[in-house]
């Protein structure tokens, strides 16, 4: 049926508009009637949930970014050396008996690490 049919038959158009204003009877499951107010409440709840989920996603993205940044920092060799006691197994140049820093970070004759020099420790 074409929409213009309704506009040619004003009585049918009036019935359509009247039915539009009336609340729908019952939902298909046979439960309580669906009203405009209940639909607006459902919409408000869905929007609030979307806001909470968006905030949670942003928080998780920040945490992932920080974790990946820390991992890249450690793998680049620029980060602090590993602090575990089994670090010599992971880093072949590590010598925990002579220094708390890897040997390749010390120059011959230097008594402090670059970090110690920067911070004045």
N, C-alpha and C. Protein backbone atom coordinates (compact mmCIF):
# COMPACT_ATOMS: atom_id res chain seq x y z
N UNK A 1 0.85 -1.16 0.00
CA UNK A 1 0.00 0.00 0.00
C UNK A 1 0.90 1.24 0.00
N UNK A 2 0.51 2.19 -0.75
CA UNK A 2 1.26 3.42 -0.88
C UNK A 2 0.85 4.41 0.22
N UNK A 3 1.80 5.19 0.68
CA UNK A 3 1.53 6.16 1.73
C UNK A 3 0.50 7.19 1.31
N UNK A 4 0.49 7.51 0.06
CA UNK A 4 -0.48 8.52 -0.42
C UNK A 4 -1.92 8.03 -0.26
N UNK A 5 -2.11 6.72 -0.21
CA UNK A 5 -3.45 6.18 0.01
C UNK A 5 -4.03 6.69 1.32
N UNK A 6 -3.19 6.70 2.38
CA UNK A 6 -3.66 7.18 3.68
C UNK A 6 -4.00 8.66 3.64
N UNK A 7 -3.22 9.44 2.89
CA UNK A 7 -3.48 10.87 2.82
C UNK A 7 -4.73 11.18 1.98
N UNK A 8 -5.09 10.29 1.08
CA UNK A 8 -6.33 10.48 0.31
C UNK A 8 -7.55 10.10 1.14
N UNK A 9 -7.37 9.20 2.12
CA UNK A 9 -8.47 8.75 2.98
C UNK A 9 -8.22 9.26 4.39
N UNK A 10 -8.65 10.45 4.66
CA UNK A 10 -8.39 11.13 5.93
C UNK A 10 -8.92 10.35 7.13
N UNK A 11 -10.00 9.62 6.98
CA UNK A 11 -10.53 8.85 8.10
C UNK A 11 -9.56 7.74 8.52
N UNK A 12 -8.93 7.09 7.54
CA UNK A 12 -7.94 6.06 7.87
C UNK A 12 -6.70 6.68 8.51
N UNK A 13 -6.29 7.84 8.01
CA UNK A 13 -5.13 8.54 8.58
C UNK A 13 -5.40 8.93 10.03
N UNK A 14 -6.61 9.35 10.33
CA UNK A 14 -6.97 9.71 11.71
C UNK A 14 -6.90 8.47 12.62
N UNK A 15 -7.33 7.33 12.11
CA UNK A 15 -7.25 6.08 12.89
C UNK A 15 -5.79 5.69 13.16
N UNK A 16 -4.95 5.87 12.17
CA UNK A 16 -3.52 5.54 12.35
C UNK A 16 -2.90 6.44 13.42
N UNK A 17 -3.21 7.73 13.35
CA UNK A 17 -2.65 8.66 14.34
C UNK A 17 -3.20 8.38 15.74
N UNK A 18 -4.44 8.00 15.85
CA UNK A 18 -5.03 7.67 17.15
C UNK A 18 -4.37 6.42 17.73
N UNK A 19 -4.14 5.43 16.89
CA UNK A 19 -3.49 4.20 17.36
C UNK A 19 -2.05 4.49 17.79
N UNK A 20 -1.44 5.44 17.13
CA UNK A 20 -0.06 5.80 17.47
C UNK A 20 0.02 6.42 18.86
N UNK A 21 -0.99 7.19 19.24
CA UNK A 21 -0.99 7.85 20.54
C UNK A 21 -1.34 6.91 21.69
N UNK A 22 -2.08 5.87 21.41
CA UNK A 22 -2.48 4.93 22.45
C UNK A 22 -1.30 4.03 22.82
N UNK A 23 -1.19 3.67 24.10
CA UNK A 23 -0.12 2.74 24.46
C UNK A 23 -0.39 1.38 23.84
N UNK A 24 0.69 0.72 23.50
CA UNK A 24 0.56 -0.61 22.90
C UNK A 24 -0.05 -1.54 23.93
N UNK A 25 -0.81 -2.50 23.47
CA UNK A 25 -1.49 -3.43 24.38
C UNK A 25 -0.50 -4.18 25.26
N UNK A 26 -0.20 -5.36 24.93
CA UNK A 26 0.73 -6.18 25.68
C UNK A 26 1.86 -6.57 24.75
N UNK A 27 3.02 -6.85 25.36
CA UNK A 27 4.12 -7.31 24.52
C UNK A 27 3.82 -8.72 24.03
N UNK A 28 4.59 -9.19 23.10
CA UNK A 28 4.33 -10.48 22.47
C UNK A 28 4.44 -11.64 23.44
N UNK A 29 5.21 -11.50 24.49
CA UNK A 29 5.38 -12.59 25.45
C UNK A 29 4.19 -12.68 26.41
N UNK A 30 3.25 -11.76 26.32
CA UNK A 30 2.09 -11.80 27.19
C UNK A 30 2.33 -11.18 28.54
N UNK A 31 3.38 -10.41 28.71
CA UNK A 31 3.70 -9.79 29.99
C UNK A 31 2.94 -8.50 30.17
N UNK A 32 3.54 -7.59 30.90
CA UNK A 32 2.89 -6.32 31.20
C UNK A 32 2.89 -5.42 29.97
N UNK A 33 2.00 -4.42 29.94
CA UNK A 33 1.95 -3.52 28.78
C UNK A 33 3.22 -2.68 28.69
N UNK A 34 3.61 -2.40 27.47
CA UNK A 34 4.78 -1.57 27.22
C UNK A 34 4.30 -0.14 27.07
N UNK A 35 4.82 0.74 27.89
CA UNK A 35 4.42 2.14 27.83
C UNK A 35 5.59 2.99 27.38
N UNK A 36 5.28 4.20 27.01
CA UNK A 36 6.33 5.13 26.59
C UNK A 36 7.30 5.38 27.75
N UNK A 37 6.77 5.48 28.96
CA UNK A 37 7.60 5.73 30.13
C UNK A 37 8.57 4.57 30.37
N UNK A 38 8.07 3.34 30.22
CA UNK A 38 8.96 2.19 30.44
C UNK A 38 10.03 2.11 29.36
N UNK A 39 9.66 2.46 28.13
CA UNK A 39 10.66 2.47 27.06
C UNK A 39 11.71 3.55 27.29
N UNK A 40 11.28 4.71 27.80
CA UNK A 40 12.23 5.78 28.09
C UNK A 40 13.16 5.38 29.23
N UNK A 41 12.63 4.66 30.22
CA UNK A 41 13.47 4.19 31.32
C UNK A 41 14.49 3.17 30.81
N UNK A 42 14.04 2.27 29.93
CA UNK A 42 14.97 1.29 29.34
C UNK A 42 16.07 2.00 28.55
N UNK A 43 15.69 3.02 27.80
CA UNK A 43 16.67 3.77 27.01
C UNK A 43 17.67 4.47 27.92
N UNK A 44 17.19 5.09 28.99
CA UNK A 44 18.09 5.78 29.93
C UNK A 44 19.05 4.79 30.58
N UNK A 45 18.55 3.61 30.95
CA UNK A 45 19.42 2.58 31.53
C UNK A 45 20.46 2.10 30.54
N UNK A 46 20.06 1.92 29.28
CA UNK A 46 21.00 1.47 28.26
C UNK A 46 22.08 2.53 28.02
N UNK A 47 21.68 3.81 28.01
CA UNK A 47 22.66 4.89 27.81
C UNK A 47 23.63 4.97 28.99
N UNK A 48 23.13 4.79 30.20
CA UNK A 48 24.01 4.80 31.38
C UNK A 48 24.99 3.64 31.32
N UNK A 49 24.50 2.48 30.91
CA UNK A 49 25.39 1.31 30.79
C UNK A 49 26.45 1.55 29.73
N UNK A 50 26.06 2.15 28.60
CA UNK A 50 27.04 2.48 27.56
C UNK A 50 28.10 3.43 28.08
N UNK A 51 27.70 4.40 28.88
CA UNK A 51 28.66 5.35 29.47
C UNK A 51 29.64 4.62 30.38
N UNK A 52 29.11 3.72 31.22
CA UNK A 52 30.00 2.95 32.12
C UNK A 52 30.95 2.06 31.33
N UNK A 53 30.43 1.40 30.29
CA UNK A 53 31.28 0.53 29.49
C UNK A 53 32.35 1.32 28.74
N UNK A 54 31.99 2.50 28.26
CA UNK A 54 32.97 3.34 27.57
C UNK A 54 34.09 3.75 28.53
N UNK A 55 33.74 4.12 29.74
CA UNK A 55 34.76 4.49 30.74
C UNK A 55 35.64 3.29 31.06
N UNK A 56 35.04 2.12 31.18
CA UNK A 56 35.82 0.90 31.49
C UNK A 56 36.76 0.56 30.34
N UNK A 57 36.29 0.70 29.11
CA UNK A 57 37.14 0.43 27.95
C UNK A 57 38.32 1.39 27.93
N UNK A 58 38.07 2.67 28.20
CA UNK A 58 39.16 3.65 28.22
C UNK A 58 40.17 3.32 29.31
N UNK A 59 39.68 2.88 30.47
CA UNK A 59 40.58 2.49 31.55
C UNK A 59 41.43 1.29 31.13
N UNK A 60 40.80 0.30 30.51
CA UNK A 60 41.54 -0.88 30.08
C UNK A 60 42.55 -0.54 28.98
N UNK A 61 42.19 0.38 28.08
CA UNK A 61 43.12 0.81 27.03
C UNK A 61 44.33 1.50 27.64
N UNK A 62 44.11 2.35 28.67
CA UNK A 62 45.24 3.01 29.34
C UNK A 62 46.15 1.98 30.00
N UNK A 63 45.55 1.01 30.69
CA UNK A 63 46.36 -0.02 31.36
C UNK A 63 47.16 -0.83 30.36
N UNK A 64 46.53 -1.19 29.24
CA UNK A 64 47.22 -1.94 28.20
C UNK A 64 48.36 -1.12 27.61
N UNK A 65 48.10 0.15 27.37
CA UNK A 65 49.13 1.03 26.82
C UNK A 65 50.32 1.14 27.77
N UNK A 66 50.03 1.29 29.07
CA UNK A 66 51.12 1.38 30.05
C UNK A 66 51.90 0.07 30.10
N UNK A 67 51.20 -1.05 30.08
CA UNK A 67 51.88 -2.34 30.15
C UNK A 67 52.75 -2.57 28.92
N UNK A 68 52.22 -2.26 27.75
CA UNK A 68 53.01 -2.42 26.52
C UNK A 68 54.18 -1.46 26.49
N UNK A 69 53.97 -0.24 27.01
CA UNK A 69 55.07 0.72 27.08
C UNK A 69 56.18 0.25 28.00
N UNK A 70 55.78 -0.29 29.17
CA UNK A 70 56.77 -0.82 30.10
C UNK A 70 57.54 -2.00 29.48
N UNK A 71 56.81 -2.87 28.78
CA UNK A 71 57.44 -4.02 28.15
C UNK A 71 58.44 -3.55 27.08
N UNK A 72 58.04 -2.60 26.26
CA UNK A 72 58.93 -2.09 25.22
C UNK A 72 60.15 -1.42 25.85
N UNK A 73 59.94 -0.71 26.96
CA UNK A 73 61.04 -0.04 27.66
C UNK A 73 62.04 -1.06 28.18
N UNK A 74 61.54 -2.12 28.79
CA UNK A 74 62.44 -3.16 29.31
C UNK A 74 63.18 -3.87 28.18
N UNK A 75 62.45 -4.21 27.10
CA UNK A 75 63.07 -4.94 26.00
C UNK A 75 64.09 -4.09 25.24
N UNK A 76 63.94 -2.77 25.29
CA UNK A 76 64.87 -1.91 24.57
C UNK A 76 66.23 -1.82 25.28
N UNK A 77 66.27 -2.23 26.54
CA UNK A 77 67.51 -2.14 27.29
C UNK A 77 67.68 -0.79 27.96
N UNK A 78 66.73 0.09 27.81
CA UNK A 78 66.81 1.41 28.41
C UNK A 78 66.26 1.44 29.82
N UNK A 79 65.42 0.46 30.16
CA UNK A 79 64.78 0.43 31.46
C UNK A 79 65.74 -0.07 32.53
N UNK A 80 65.27 -0.06 33.76
CA UNK A 80 66.06 -0.55 34.88
C UNK A 80 66.30 -2.05 34.71
N UNK A 81 67.41 -2.55 35.21
CA UNK A 81 67.68 -3.98 35.07
C UNK A 81 66.69 -4.80 35.90
N UNK A 82 66.53 -6.06 35.54
CA UNK A 82 65.63 -6.92 36.30
C UNK A 82 66.08 -7.03 37.75
N UNK A 83 65.13 -7.16 38.67
CA UNK A 83 65.47 -7.21 40.08
C UNK A 83 65.40 -8.61 40.66
N UNK A 84 64.97 -9.60 39.91
CA UNK A 84 64.85 -10.94 40.47
C UNK A 84 66.23 -11.57 40.63
N UNK A 85 66.31 -12.58 41.48
CA UNK A 85 67.59 -13.23 41.74
C UNK A 85 68.01 -14.11 40.59
N UNK A 86 67.08 -14.49 39.72
CA UNK A 86 67.40 -15.35 38.60
C UNK A 86 67.57 -14.53 37.33
N UNK A 87 68.00 -13.31 37.44
CA UNK A 87 68.10 -12.44 36.29
C UNK A 87 69.26 -12.83 35.38
N UNK A 88 70.28 -13.52 35.88
CA UNK A 88 71.42 -13.90 35.05
C UNK A 88 71.01 -14.90 33.99
N UNK A 89 69.94 -15.65 34.21
CA UNK A 89 69.48 -16.60 33.22
C UNK A 89 68.83 -15.88 32.05
N UNK A 90 68.24 -14.73 32.30
CA UNK A 90 67.56 -14.01 31.24
C UNK A 90 68.48 -13.04 30.51
N UNK A 91 69.47 -12.53 31.16
CA UNK A 91 70.35 -11.54 30.56
C UNK A 91 71.79 -12.03 30.66
N UNK A 92 72.38 -12.44 29.52
CA UNK A 92 73.72 -13.02 29.59
C UNK A 92 74.79 -12.05 30.06
N UNK A 93 74.60 -10.74 29.87
CA UNK A 93 75.61 -9.79 30.29
C UNK A 93 75.48 -9.35 31.73
N UNK A 94 74.59 -9.91 32.46
CA UNK A 94 74.30 -9.48 33.83
C UNK A 94 75.27 -10.14 34.79
N UNK A 95 75.80 -9.34 35.69
CA UNK A 95 76.72 -9.88 36.68
C UNK A 95 76.33 -9.28 38.02
N UNK A 96 75.54 -10.00 38.79
CA UNK A 96 75.01 -9.44 40.02
C UNK A 96 76.02 -9.46 41.16
N UNK A 97 77.15 -10.15 41.00
CA UNK A 97 78.12 -10.20 42.09
C UNK A 97 79.00 -8.96 42.11
N UNK A 98 79.22 -8.33 40.96
CA UNK A 98 80.13 -7.18 40.93
C UNK A 98 79.40 -5.85 40.97
N UNK A 99 78.15 -5.83 40.55
CA UNK A 99 77.45 -4.56 40.48
C UNK A 99 75.96 -4.82 40.40
N UNK A 100 75.20 -3.78 40.73
CA UNK A 100 73.75 -3.91 40.59
C UNK A 100 73.31 -3.51 39.19
N UNK A 101 74.24 -3.15 38.32
CA UNK A 101 73.94 -2.77 36.95
C UNK A 101 74.69 -3.70 36.00
N UNK A 102 74.16 -3.94 34.81
CA UNK A 102 74.85 -4.79 33.85
C UNK A 102 76.20 -4.19 33.48
N UNK A 103 77.20 -5.01 33.22
CA UNK A 103 78.54 -4.52 32.90
C UNK A 103 78.58 -3.60 31.69
N UNK A 104 77.73 -3.86 30.68
CA UNK A 104 77.79 -3.01 29.49
C UNK A 104 77.28 -1.60 29.76
N UNK A 105 76.72 -1.35 30.94
CA UNK A 105 76.29 -0.01 31.30
C UNK A 105 77.41 0.76 32.00
N UNK A 106 78.48 0.07 32.36
CA UNK A 106 79.60 0.73 33.02
C UNK A 106 80.76 0.87 32.03
N UNK A 107 81.39 1.99 32.08
CA UNK A 107 82.59 2.19 31.27
C UNK A 107 83.78 1.80 32.14
N UNK A 108 84.86 1.38 31.52
CA UNK A 108 86.04 1.06 32.32
C UNK A 108 86.49 2.27 33.14
N UNK A 109 86.74 2.06 34.39
CA UNK A 109 87.20 3.12 35.27
C UNK A 109 86.08 3.94 35.89
N UNK A 110 84.86 3.76 35.43
CA UNK A 110 83.74 4.52 36.00
C UNK A 110 83.28 3.82 37.27
N UNK A 111 83.00 4.60 38.29
CA UNK A 111 82.57 4.01 39.56
C UNK A 111 81.08 4.12 39.79
N UNK A 112 80.38 4.90 38.95
CA UNK A 112 78.94 5.04 39.12
C UNK A 112 78.23 4.79 37.80
N UNK A 113 76.97 4.46 37.89
CA UNK A 113 76.17 4.19 36.69
C UNK A 113 75.64 5.50 36.13
N UNK A 114 75.16 5.48 34.89
CA UNK A 114 74.57 6.71 34.33
C UNK A 114 73.42 7.23 35.19
N UNK A 115 72.60 6.33 35.72
CA UNK A 115 71.50 6.75 36.59
C UNK A 115 72.03 7.43 37.85
N UNK A 116 73.06 6.85 38.44
CA UNK A 116 73.64 7.45 39.65
C UNK A 116 74.23 8.81 39.35
N UNK A 117 74.82 8.97 38.18
CA UNK A 117 75.38 10.27 37.81
C UNK A 117 74.29 11.31 37.61
N UNK A 118 73.16 10.91 36.96
CA UNK A 118 72.07 11.85 36.72
C UNK A 118 71.40 12.28 38.01
N UNK A 119 71.19 11.33 38.91
CA UNK A 119 70.45 11.63 40.14
C UNK A 119 71.34 12.08 41.28
N UNK A 120 72.64 11.93 41.14
CA UNK A 120 73.57 12.34 42.18
C UNK A 120 73.64 11.35 43.35
N UNK A 121 73.27 10.11 43.10
CA UNK A 121 73.30 9.10 44.16
C UNK A 121 74.71 8.63 44.39
